[in-house]
Amino acid sequence: MGRLKSTHCSLTRIPRSFNDSIGQPTVPFKFGATILSYFCRWYCSILLWLSSVQDSSNGYRFYGTVVEYNIVPDFIAVFAAATLPTTHLILAALLILPHNQARIPLLATAALGTIFAMSQVAALMRGIPINCGCFGGMAERQVGLVSLSIAGSLVLISVLGAILSPAAAVSPGTPEPKPENNEPNFAMRR
């Protein structure tokens, strides 16, 4: 009598359903993860696009907002005000490009969202009553719980999208596994 193969992970005892031949998740998991990954990409892309449109519409106002945070010196604030709207637009486009399943745009979005959230936390802790300067119509609203939760959602959803990205599975360039026996295949020789 042979041993039955367990479908539980030995460390966590969570049921798993994997294809035994190559270790990839089965089709329903991959399909659901792909749909959720696309949702995460579109959510982050829309937030970045809204922020880019708002920031690039009036560069002087955005520069003033960056200076009001009082976190970076003026020469870095000029550089940030000049490059952030373009960076947002490039990341928004990279996130929704068809056939682009790379995790790098999602991780860059998470890093950018972390910077936004930490800047808002610093402004809240110092009690500086400034406008958020981000996310479309939120630009005229003061930094608070709502703007902080949007910046936090950008971080969390982009990290979730990076985790669920189909690129996390086997990439197209990965070689197929070799057979267990190392016997030569004589059928291919002439």
N, C-alpha and C. Protein backbone atom coordinates (compact mmCIF):
# COMPACT_ATOMS: atom_id res chain seq x y z
N MET A 1 0.84 -1.16 0.00
CA MET A 1 0.00 0.00 0.00
C MET A 1 0.90 1.24 0.00
N GLY A 2 0.65 2.15 -0.94
CA GLY A 2 1.47 3.35 -1.08
C GLY A 2 1.00 4.46 -0.15
N ARG A 3 1.86 5.41 0.04
CA ARG A 3 1.51 6.55 0.88
C ARG A 3 0.69 7.54 0.07
N LEU A 4 -0.27 8.14 0.71
CA LEU A 4 -1.06 9.18 0.07
C LEU A 4 -0.29 10.49 0.13
N LYS A 5 -0.37 11.24 -0.96
CA LYS A 5 0.33 12.52 -1.00
C LYS A 5 -0.53 13.57 -0.29
N SER A 6 0.06 14.27 0.66
CA SER A 6 -0.66 15.26 1.42
C SER A 6 -0.85 16.52 0.60
N THR A 7 -1.99 17.17 0.75
CA THR A 7 -2.23 18.44 0.07
C THR A 7 -2.10 19.60 1.05
N HIS A 8 -1.45 19.38 2.17
CA HIS A 8 -1.25 20.42 3.16
C HIS A 8 0.22 20.82 3.19
N CYS A 9 0.46 22.07 3.43
CA CYS A 9 1.82 22.56 3.61
C CYS A 9 2.30 22.06 4.97
N SER A 10 3.50 21.53 5.02
CA SER A 10 3.95 20.90 6.26
C SER A 10 4.18 21.90 7.38
N LEU A 11 4.50 23.15 7.07
CA LEU A 11 4.80 24.10 8.13
C LEU A 11 3.55 24.79 8.65
N THR A 12 2.62 25.12 7.77
CA THR A 12 1.48 25.93 8.20
C THR A 12 0.17 25.16 8.22
N ARG A 13 0.13 23.99 7.68
CA ARG A 13 -1.08 23.17 7.60
C ARG A 13 -2.23 23.87 6.88
N ILE A 14 -1.89 24.71 5.91
CA ILE A 14 -2.89 25.36 5.08
C ILE A 14 -3.08 24.51 3.84
N PRO A 15 -4.31 24.17 3.47
CA PRO A 15 -4.50 23.36 2.27
C PRO A 15 -3.96 24.06 1.04
N ARG A 16 -3.26 23.31 0.23
CA ARG A 16 -2.70 23.83 -1.02
C ARG A 16 -3.21 22.99 -2.17
N SER A 17 -3.38 23.61 -3.33
CA SER A 17 -3.73 22.85 -4.51
C SER A 17 -2.75 23.23 -5.60
N PHE A 18 -1.69 22.48 -5.73
CA PHE A 18 -0.66 22.77 -6.70
C PHE A 18 -0.60 21.67 -7.75
N ASN A 19 -0.19 22.08 -8.92
CA ASN A 19 0.05 21.12 -9.97
C ASN A 19 1.36 20.42 -9.63
N ASP A 20 1.34 19.12 -9.48
CA ASP A 20 2.52 18.39 -9.01
C ASP A 20 3.68 18.42 -10.00
N SER A 21 3.40 18.63 -11.28
CA SER A 21 4.49 18.52 -12.24
C SER A 21 5.47 19.68 -12.16
N ILE A 22 4.99 20.91 -12.00
CA ILE A 22 5.93 22.03 -12.00
C ILE A 22 5.77 22.95 -10.80
N GLY A 23 4.84 22.68 -9.90
CA GLY A 23 4.72 23.47 -8.69
C GLY A 23 4.02 24.79 -8.86
N GLN A 24 3.26 24.99 -9.94
CA GLN A 24 2.52 26.23 -10.12
C GLN A 24 1.12 26.08 -9.57
N PRO A 25 0.51 27.18 -9.13
CA PRO A 25 -0.87 27.10 -8.66
C PRO A 25 -1.80 26.66 -9.78
N THR A 26 -2.91 26.06 -9.39
CA THR A 26 -3.86 25.60 -10.40
C THR A 26 -4.58 26.78 -11.03
N VAL A 27 -5.33 26.53 -12.07
CA VAL A 27 -5.94 27.58 -12.88
C VAL A 27 -6.87 28.50 -12.10
N PRO A 28 -7.78 28.03 -11.22
CA PRO A 28 -8.64 29.00 -10.53
C PRO A 28 -7.88 30.00 -9.68
N PHE A 29 -6.83 29.56 -8.99
CA PHE A 29 -6.04 30.49 -8.19
C PHE A 29 -5.34 31.51 -9.08
N LYS A 30 -4.74 31.03 -10.17
CA LYS A 30 -4.03 31.93 -11.07
C LYS A 30 -4.99 32.94 -11.68
N PHE A 31 -6.20 32.50 -12.05
CA PHE A 31 -7.16 33.40 -12.67
C PHE A 31 -7.60 34.48 -11.68
N GLY A 32 -7.94 34.08 -10.45
CA GLY A 32 -8.35 35.05 -9.44
C GLY A 32 -7.23 36.01 -9.07
N ALA A 33 -6.02 35.49 -8.95
CA ALA A 33 -4.88 36.33 -8.61
C ALA A 33 -4.58 37.31 -9.75
N THR A 34 -4.75 36.86 -10.98
CA THR A 34 -4.50 37.74 -12.12
C THR A 34 -5.51 38.86 -12.16
N ILE A 35 -6.78 38.55 -11.95
CA ILE A 35 -7.82 39.58 -11.94
C ILE A 35 -7.56 40.59 -10.82
N LEU A 36 -7.23 40.11 -9.64
CA LEU A 36 -6.95 41.00 -8.51
C LEU A 36 -5.69 41.84 -8.77
N SER A 37 -4.70 41.24 -9.42
CA SER A 37 -3.49 41.98 -9.77
C SER A 37 -3.81 43.10 -10.75
N TYR A 38 -4.67 42.83 -11.72
CA TYR A 38 -5.08 43.88 -12.66
C TYR A 38 -5.84 44.99 -11.95
N PHE A 39 -6.70 44.64 -11.01
CA PHE A 39 -7.41 45.66 -10.23
C PHE A 39 -6.41 46.53 -9.48
N CYS A 40 -5.43 45.91 -8.85
CA CYS A 40 -4.42 46.66 -8.10
C CYS A 40 -3.66 47.61 -9.02
N ARG A 41 -3.29 47.12 -10.20
CA ARG A 41 -2.57 47.95 -11.16
C ARG A 41 -3.40 49.15 -11.60
N TRP A 42 -4.68 48.93 -11.89
CA TRP A 42 -5.54 50.02 -12.35
C TRP A 42 -5.81 51.02 -11.22
N TYR A 43 -6.00 50.55 -10.01
CA TYR A 43 -6.23 51.45 -8.87
C TYR A 43 -5.03 52.37 -8.68
N CYS A 44 -3.84 51.79 -8.66
CA CYS A 44 -2.62 52.59 -8.47
C CYS A 44 -2.41 53.53 -9.64
N SER A 45 -2.69 53.06 -10.84
CA SER A 45 -2.51 53.88 -12.03
C SER A 45 -3.44 55.09 -12.01
N ILE A 46 -4.69 54.89 -11.61
CA ILE A 46 -5.64 56.01 -11.55
C ILE A 46 -5.21 57.02 -10.50
N LEU A 47 -4.79 56.55 -9.33
CA LEU A 47 -4.32 57.49 -8.30
C LEU A 47 -3.11 58.28 -8.77
N LEU A 48 -2.16 57.59 -9.41
CA LEU A 48 -0.97 58.29 -9.89
C LEU A 48 -1.32 59.28 -11.00
N TRP A 49 -2.25 58.89 -11.88
CA TRP A 49 -2.65 59.79 -12.96
C TRP A 49 -3.33 61.03 -12.40
N LEU A 50 -4.24 60.85 -11.43
CA LEU A 50 -4.91 62.00 -10.82
C LEU A 50 -3.89 62.94 -10.16
N SER A 51 -2.93 62.34 -9.49
CA SER A 51 -1.90 63.15 -8.84
C SER A 51 -1.05 63.89 -9.87
N SER A 52 -0.73 63.23 -10.96
CA SER A 52 0.08 63.85 -12.00
C SER A 52 -0.63 65.02 -12.65
N VAL A 53 -1.92 64.84 -12.96
CA VAL A 53 -2.68 65.91 -13.59
C VAL A 53 -2.77 67.11 -12.65
N GLN A 54 -3.03 66.85 -11.38
CA GLN A 54 -3.15 67.94 -10.40
C GLN A 54 -1.83 68.66 -10.22
N ASP A 55 -0.74 67.90 -10.12
CA ASP A 55 0.56 68.52 -9.85
C ASP A 55 1.12 69.26 -11.06
N SER A 56 0.88 68.75 -12.26
CA SER A 56 1.44 69.38 -13.44
C SER A 56 0.60 70.56 -13.93
N SER A 57 -0.63 70.68 -13.46
CA SER A 57 -1.47 71.79 -13.91
C SER A 57 -0.97 73.13 -13.42
N ASN A 58 -0.38 73.15 -12.24
CA ASN A 58 0.17 74.39 -11.70
C ASN A 58 1.44 74.04 -10.93
N GLY A 59 2.56 74.12 -11.63
CA GLY A 59 3.84 73.72 -11.04
C GLY A 59 4.26 74.57 -9.86
N TYR A 60 3.93 75.87 -9.88
CA TYR A 60 4.32 76.74 -8.77
C TYR A 60 3.56 76.40 -7.50
N ARG A 61 2.30 76.07 -7.65
CA ARG A 61 1.51 75.70 -6.47
C ARG A 61 2.04 74.38 -5.88
N PHE A 62 2.38 73.44 -6.77
CA PHE A 62 2.92 72.17 -6.28
C PHE A 62 4.28 72.38 -5.61
N TYR A 63 5.11 73.24 -6.18
CA TYR A 63 6.39 73.57 -5.55
C TYR A 63 6.15 74.16 -4.16
N GLY A 64 5.17 75.06 -4.05
CA GLY A 64 4.84 75.66 -2.76
C GLY A 64 4.39 74.62 -1.75
N THR A 65 3.64 73.62 -2.22
CA THR A 65 3.19 72.55 -1.31
C THR A 65 4.36 71.72 -0.83
N VAL A 66 5.29 71.41 -1.73
CA VAL A 66 6.47 70.62 -1.35
C VAL A 66 7.30 71.39 -0.33
N VAL A 67 7.44 72.69 -0.52
CA VAL A 67 8.21 73.53 0.41
C VAL A 67 7.50 73.61 1.76
N GLU A 68 6.16 73.69 1.76
CA GLU A 68 5.41 73.79 3.02
C GLU A 68 5.59 72.57 3.92
N TYR A 69 5.81 71.40 3.32
CA TYR A 69 6.06 70.22 4.16
C TYR A 69 7.31 70.39 5.00
N ASN A 70 8.27 71.21 4.54
CA ASN A 70 9.48 71.54 5.28
C ASN A 70 10.27 70.29 5.68
N ILE A 71 10.42 69.39 4.71
CA ILE A 71 11.16 68.16 4.95
C ILE A 71 12.48 68.16 4.21
N VAL A 72 12.49 68.71 3.00
CA VAL A 72 13.68 68.70 2.16
C VAL A 72 14.15 70.13 1.91
N PRO A 73 15.43 70.32 1.60
CA PRO A 73 15.93 71.66 1.25
C PRO A 73 15.28 72.16 -0.04
N ASP A 74 15.41 73.46 -0.29
CA ASP A 74 14.75 74.08 -1.44
C ASP A 74 15.20 73.50 -2.78
N PHE A 75 16.50 73.20 -2.94
CA PHE A 75 16.96 72.69 -4.23
C PHE A 75 16.38 71.30 -4.51
N ILE A 76 16.15 70.50 -3.48
CA ILE A 76 15.50 69.20 -3.67
C ILE A 76 14.01 69.39 -3.92
N ALA A 77 13.41 70.39 -3.29
CA ALA A 77 11.99 70.68 -3.52
C ALA A 77 11.75 71.11 -4.97
N VAL A 78 12.66 71.88 -5.53
CA VAL A 78 12.55 72.27 -6.94
C VAL A 78 12.63 71.03 -7.83
N PHE A 79 13.60 70.16 -7.55
CA PHE A 79 13.76 68.94 -8.32
C PHE A 79 12.53 68.04 -8.18
N ALA A 80 12.02 67.89 -6.97
CA ALA A 80 10.83 67.05 -6.74
C ALA A 80 9.61 67.61 -7.45
N ALA A 81 9.42 68.93 -7.38
CA ALA A 81 8.26 69.54 -8.03
C ALA A 81 8.36 69.42 -9.54
N ALA A 82 9.57 69.39 -10.08
CA ALA A 82 9.74 69.28 -11.53
C ALA A 82 9.61 67.85 -12.02
N THR A 83 10.01 66.87 -11.22
CA THR A 83 10.06 65.49 -11.71
C THR A 83 8.90 64.60 -11.24
N LEU A 84 8.30 64.89 -10.11
CA LEU A 84 7.25 64.00 -9.60
C LEU A 84 6.04 63.86 -10.53
N PRO A 85 5.51 64.92 -11.14
CA PRO A 85 4.37 64.72 -12.04
C PRO A 85 4.70 63.80 -13.22
N THR A 86 5.89 63.96 -13.79
CA THR A 86 6.30 63.10 -14.89
C THR A 86 6.51 61.67 -14.41
N THR A 87 7.10 61.51 -13.25
CA THR A 87 7.30 60.17 -12.68
C THR A 87 5.96 59.49 -12.44
N HIS A 88 4.99 60.22 -11.93
CA HIS A 88 3.66 59.65 -11.71
C HIS A 88 3.05 59.18 -13.03
N LEU A 89 3.17 60.01 -14.06
CA LEU A 89 2.59 59.68 -15.35
C LEU A 89 3.27 58.46 -15.97
N ILE A 90 4.58 58.38 -15.87
CA ILE A 90 5.30 57.22 -16.40
C ILE A 90 4.92 55.95 -15.65
N LEU A 91 4.87 56.02 -14.33
CA LEU A 91 4.47 54.84 -13.55
C LEU A 91 3.03 54.43 -13.85
N ALA A 92 2.13 55.41 -14.01
CA ALA A 92 0.74 55.09 -14.33
C ALA A 92 0.65 54.37 -15.67
N ALA A 93 1.43 54.81 -16.64
CA ALA A 93 1.42 54.14 -17.95
C ALA A 93 2.04 52.76 -17.87
N LEU A 94 3.13 52.61 -17.13
CA LEU A 94 3.77 51.29 -17.01
C LEU A 94 2.88 50.28 -16.30
N LEU A 95 2.07 50.76 -15.37
CA LEU A 95 1.21 49.84 -14.62
C LEU A 95 0.12 49.23 -15.49
N ILE A 96 -0.36 49.96 -16.48
CA ILE A 96 -1.49 49.45 -17.25
C ILE A 96 -1.12 49.06 -18.68
N LEU A 97 0.16 49.06 -19.00
CA LEU A 97 0.55 48.60 -20.34
C LEU A 97 0.15 47.13 -20.51
N PRO A 98 -0.40 46.79 -21.67
CA PRO A 98 -0.75 45.38 -21.88
C PRO A 98 0.52 44.52 -21.94
N HIS A 99 0.42 43.34 -21.45
CA HIS A 99 1.50 42.34 -21.43
C HIS A 99 2.67 42.76 -20.56
N ASN A 100 2.49 43.74 -19.71
CA ASN A 100 3.55 44.13 -18.77
C ASN A 100 3.15 43.62 -17.39
N GLN A 101 3.75 42.54 -16.98
CA GLN A 101 3.44 41.96 -15.69
C GLN A 101 4.60 42.08 -14.72
N ALA A 102 5.53 42.98 -15.02
CA ALA A 102 6.69 43.17 -14.14
C ALA A 102 6.25 43.77 -12.81
N ARG A 103 6.95 43.41 -11.78
CA ARG A 103 6.64 43.92 -10.45
C ARG A 103 7.30 45.26 -10.15
N ILE A 104 8.27 45.66 -10.95
CA ILE A 104 9.03 46.86 -10.66
C ILE A 104 8.15 48.11 -10.59
N PRO A 105 7.22 48.35 -11.54
CA PRO A 105 6.36 49.54 -11.39
C PRO A 105 5.52 49.51 -10.12
N LEU A 106 5.06 48.34 -9.73
CA LEU A 106 4.28 48.23 -8.50
C LEU A 106 5.13 48.53 -7.27
N LEU A 107 6.34 48.02 -7.26
CA LEU A 107 7.22 48.28 -6.12
C LEU A 107 7.67 49.74 -6.08
N ALA A 108 7.87 50.35 -7.25
CA ALA A 108 8.20 51.78 -7.29
C ALA A 108 7.02 52.61 -6.80
N THR A 109 5.81 52.19 -7.14
CA THR A 109 4.61 52.87 -6.66
C THR A 109 4.49 52.73 -5.15
N ALA A 110 4.81 51.56 -4.63
CA ALA A 110 4.77 51.36 -3.18
C ALA A 110 5.80 52.26 -2.48
N ALA A 111 6.98 52.39 -3.06
CA ALA A 111 8.00 53.26 -2.47
C ALA A 111 7.56 54.72 -2.50
N LEU A 112 6.97 55.14 -3.62
CA LEU A 112 6.49 56.51 -3.73
C LEU A 112 5.34 56.77 -2.75
N GLY A 113 4.44 55.81 -2.63
CA GLY A 113 3.34 55.95 -1.67
C GLY A 113 3.84 55.99 -0.23
N THR A 114 4.90 55.25 0.06
CA THR A 114 5.49 55.28 1.39
C THR A 114 6.07 56.66 1.69
N ILE A 115 6.72 57.25 0.70
CA ILE A 115 7.26 58.60 0.89
C ILE A 115 6.13 59.58 1.14
N PHE A 116 5.03 59.45 0.37
CA PHE A 116 3.88 60.35 0.58
C PHE A 116 3.29 60.18 1.97
N ALA A 117 3.10 58.93 2.38
CA ALA A 117 2.50 58.66 3.70
C ALA A 117 3.40 59.17 4.82
N MET A 118 4.70 58.92 4.71
CA MET A 118 5.62 59.38 5.76
C MET A 118 5.69 60.90 5.82
N SER A 119 5.60 61.57 4.67
CA SER A 119 5.59 63.03 4.66
C SER A 119 4.35 63.56 5.35
N GLN A 120 3.22 62.92 5.10
CA GLN A 120 1.98 63.36 5.74
C GLN A 120 2.00 63.09 7.24
N VAL A 121 2.56 61.97 7.63
CA VAL A 121 2.68 61.67 9.07
C VAL A 121 3.58 62.71 9.73
N ALA A 122 4.67 63.09 9.08
CA ALA A 122 5.56 64.10 9.65
C ALA A 122 4.85 65.45 9.78
N ALA A 123 4.03 65.81 8.77
CA ALA A 123 3.29 67.07 8.86
C ALA A 123 2.24 67.02 9.96
N LEU A 124 1.58 65.89 10.12
CA LEU A 124 0.58 65.75 11.18
C LEU A 124 1.22 65.80 12.57
N MET A 125 2.37 65.15 12.72
CA MET A 125 3.03 65.12 14.02
C MET A 125 3.55 66.50 14.41
N ARG A 126 3.95 67.30 13.44
CA ARG A 126 4.43 68.65 13.73
C ARG A 126 3.31 69.66 13.81
N GLY A 127 2.09 69.24 13.45
CA GLY A 127 0.94 70.14 13.53
C GLY A 127 0.92 71.22 12.47
N ILE A 128 1.50 70.93 11.31
CA ILE A 128 1.53 71.92 10.23
C ILE A 128 0.22 71.83 9.44
N PRO A 129 -0.57 72.89 9.40
CA PRO A 129 -1.83 72.86 8.66
C PRO A 129 -1.60 73.20 7.18
N ILE A 130 -1.24 72.19 6.38
CA ILE A 130 -0.98 72.41 4.96
C ILE A 130 -1.91 71.57 4.11
N ASN A 131 -2.04 71.96 2.85
CA ASN A 131 -2.83 71.18 1.91
C ASN A 131 -2.05 69.94 1.50
N CYS A 132 -2.79 68.90 1.17
CA CYS A 132 -2.17 67.63 0.81
C CYS A 132 -1.32 67.75 -0.45
N GLY A 133 -1.86 68.36 -1.50
CA GLY A 133 -1.10 68.51 -2.74
C GLY A 133 -1.02 67.23 -3.54
N CYS A 134 -2.01 66.35 -3.36
CA CYS A 134 -1.92 65.06 -4.04
C CYS A 134 -3.31 64.51 -4.39
N PHE A 135 -3.33 63.56 -5.30
CA PHE A 135 -4.50 62.75 -5.62
C PHE A 135 -5.71 63.56 -6.10
N GLY A 136 -5.49 64.36 -7.11
CA GLY A 136 -6.60 65.03 -7.78
C GLY A 136 -7.29 66.05 -6.90
N GLY A 137 -8.58 65.84 -6.64
CA GLY A 137 -9.37 66.78 -5.86
C GLY A 137 -8.93 66.89 -4.42
N MET A 138 -8.09 65.99 -3.97
CA MET A 138 -7.59 66.04 -2.59
C MET A 138 -6.54 67.13 -2.40
N ALA A 139 -6.08 67.74 -3.49
CA ALA A 139 -4.98 68.70 -3.39
C ALA A 139 -5.32 69.89 -2.53
N GLU A 140 -6.57 70.29 -2.52
CA GLU A 140 -6.97 71.47 -1.75
C GLU A 140 -7.40 71.12 -0.33
N ARG A 141 -7.41 69.86 0.01
CA ARG A 141 -7.80 69.42 1.35
C ARG A 141 -6.57 69.33 2.24
N GLN A 142 -6.74 69.69 3.51
CA GLN A 142 -5.62 69.64 4.43
C GLN A 142 -5.20 68.19 4.69
N VAL A 143 -3.92 68.05 5.04
CA VAL A 143 -3.41 66.73 5.40
C VAL A 143 -4.18 66.24 6.61
N GLY A 144 -4.67 65.03 6.52
CA GLY A 144 -5.44 64.46 7.61
C GLY A 144 -5.61 62.97 7.43
N LEU A 145 -6.58 62.43 8.10
CA LEU A 145 -6.80 61.00 8.08
C LEU A 145 -7.20 60.50 6.69
N VAL A 146 -8.00 61.29 5.97
CA VAL A 146 -8.45 60.87 4.64
C VAL A 146 -7.28 60.81 3.67
N SER A 147 -6.48 61.86 3.61
CA SER A 147 -5.34 61.86 2.68
C SER A 147 -4.30 60.81 3.08
N LEU A 148 -4.12 60.61 4.36
CA LEU A 148 -3.18 59.58 4.82
C LEU A 148 -3.68 58.18 4.48
N SER A 149 -4.98 57.97 4.57
CA SER A 149 -5.51 56.64 4.23
C SER A 149 -5.41 56.38 2.73
N ILE A 150 -5.54 57.42 1.91
CA ILE A 150 -5.37 57.22 0.46
C ILE A 150 -3.92 56.89 0.13
N ALA A 151 -2.98 57.60 0.75
CA ALA A 151 -1.56 57.29 0.54
C ALA A 151 -1.23 55.89 1.05
N GLY A 152 -1.81 55.51 2.19
CA GLY A 152 -1.59 54.15 2.72
C GLY A 152 -2.20 53.09 1.83
N SER A 153 -3.36 53.39 1.25
CA SER A 153 -3.98 52.41 0.34
C SER A 153 -3.13 52.25 -0.91
N LEU A 154 -2.49 53.31 -1.36
CA LEU A 154 -1.60 53.20 -2.52
C LEU A 154 -0.46 52.24 -2.21
N VAL A 155 0.08 52.33 -1.02
CA VAL A 155 1.17 51.43 -0.62
C VAL A 155 0.68 49.99 -0.53
N LEU A 156 -0.40 49.78 0.22
CA LEU A 156 -0.88 48.42 0.45
C LEU A 156 -1.35 47.74 -0.83
N ILE A 157 -2.06 48.47 -1.67
CA ILE A 157 -2.60 47.84 -2.89
C ILE A 157 -1.49 47.59 -3.90
N SER A 158 -0.48 48.46 -3.96
CA SER A 158 0.62 48.19 -4.88
C SER A 158 1.47 47.00 -4.41
N VAL A 159 1.64 46.85 -3.11
CA VAL A 159 2.36 45.68 -2.59
C VAL A 159 1.55 44.40 -2.85
N LEU A 160 0.24 44.47 -2.64
CA LEU A 160 -0.62 43.32 -2.94
C LEU A 160 -0.55 42.96 -4.41
N GLY A 161 -0.57 43.96 -5.28
CA GLY A 161 -0.45 43.71 -6.71
C GLY A 161 0.88 43.08 -7.07
N ALA A 162 1.95 43.50 -6.41
CA ALA A 162 3.27 42.91 -6.67
C ALA A 162 3.31 41.45 -6.22
N ILE A 163 2.67 41.16 -5.10
CA ILE A 163 2.64 39.78 -4.61
C ILE A 163 1.84 38.89 -5.55
N LEU A 164 0.71 39.40 -6.03
CA LEU A 164 -0.19 38.61 -6.86
C LEU A 164 0.15 38.65 -8.35
N SER A 165 1.15 39.40 -8.71
CA SER A 165 1.50 39.54 -10.11
C SER A 165 1.83 38.19 -10.72
N PRO A 166 1.32 37.92 -11.94
CA PRO A 166 1.66 36.65 -12.58
C PRO A 166 3.15 36.47 -12.78
N ALA A 167 3.91 37.54 -12.78
CA ALA A 167 5.36 37.42 -12.90
C ALA A 167 5.96 36.74 -11.68
N ALA A 168 5.18 36.64 -10.59
CA ALA A 168 5.68 35.97 -9.39
C ALA A 168 5.75 34.46 -9.61
N ALA A 169 4.99 33.96 -10.56
CA ALA A 169 5.04 32.54 -10.88
C ALA A 169 6.26 32.29 -11.77
N VAL A 170 6.25 31.23 -12.52
CA VAL A 170 7.37 30.90 -13.39
C VAL A 170 7.37 31.84 -14.58
N SER A 171 8.50 32.49 -14.81
CA SER A 171 8.58 33.42 -15.94
C SER A 171 8.74 32.64 -17.24
N PRO A 172 8.42 33.28 -18.38
CA PRO A 172 8.48 32.56 -19.65
C PRO A 172 9.86 32.04 -20.00
N GLY A 173 10.93 32.62 -19.52
CA GLY A 173 12.27 32.17 -19.87
C GLY A 173 12.80 31.06 -18.98
N THR A 174 12.03 30.58 -18.04
CA THR A 174 12.48 29.54 -17.13
C THR A 174 12.55 28.20 -17.87
N PRO A 175 13.67 27.51 -17.78
CA PRO A 175 13.77 26.22 -18.47
C PRO A 175 12.86 25.18 -17.82
N GLU A 176 12.45 24.23 -18.62
CA GLU A 176 11.61 23.15 -18.10
C GLU A 176 12.46 22.25 -17.20
N PRO A 177 11.82 21.61 -16.22
CA PRO A 177 12.59 20.73 -15.33
C PRO A 177 13.10 19.51 -16.08
N LYS A 178 14.28 19.08 -15.69
CA LYS A 178 14.90 17.91 -16.32
C LYS A 178 14.25 16.65 -15.77
N PRO A 179 14.24 15.58 -16.57
CA PRO A 179 13.70 14.32 -16.05
C PRO A 179 14.56 13.82 -14.90
N GLU A 180 13.92 13.03 -14.03
CA GLU A 180 14.64 12.56 -12.85
C GLU A 180 15.75 11.58 -13.19
N ASN A 181 15.51 10.77 -14.18
CA ASN A 181 16.59 9.85 -14.56
C ASN A 181 17.46 10.55 -15.58
N ASN A 182 18.73 10.39 -15.49
CA ASN A 182 19.67 11.07 -16.37
C ASN A 182 20.05 10.21 -17.57
N GLU A 183 19.15 9.35 -18.00
CA GLU A 183 19.43 8.50 -19.16
C GLU A 183 19.31 9.34 -20.42
N PRO A 184 20.19 9.13 -21.37
CA PRO A 184 20.09 9.88 -22.62
C PRO A 184 18.87 9.44 -23.42
N ASN A 185 18.34 10.32 -24.22
CA ASN A 185 17.21 10.02 -25.06
C ASN A 185 17.75 9.68 -26.45
N PHE A 186 17.77 8.38 -26.77
CA PHE A 186 18.34 7.94 -28.04
C PHE A 186 17.37 8.13 -29.20
N ALA A 187 16.14 8.43 -28.94
CA ALA A 187 15.16 8.60 -30.02
C ALA A 187 15.47 9.85 -30.85
N MET A 188 16.17 10.80 -30.29
CA MET A 188 16.46 12.04 -30.99
C MET A 188 17.66 11.91 -31.91
N ARG A 189 18.49 10.88 -31.76
CA ARG A 189 19.70 10.71 -32.58
C ARG A 189 19.35 10.06 -33.90
N ARG A 190 20.15 10.30 -34.92
CA ARG A 190 19.95 9.66 -36.22
C ARG A 190 20.79 8.45 -36.34
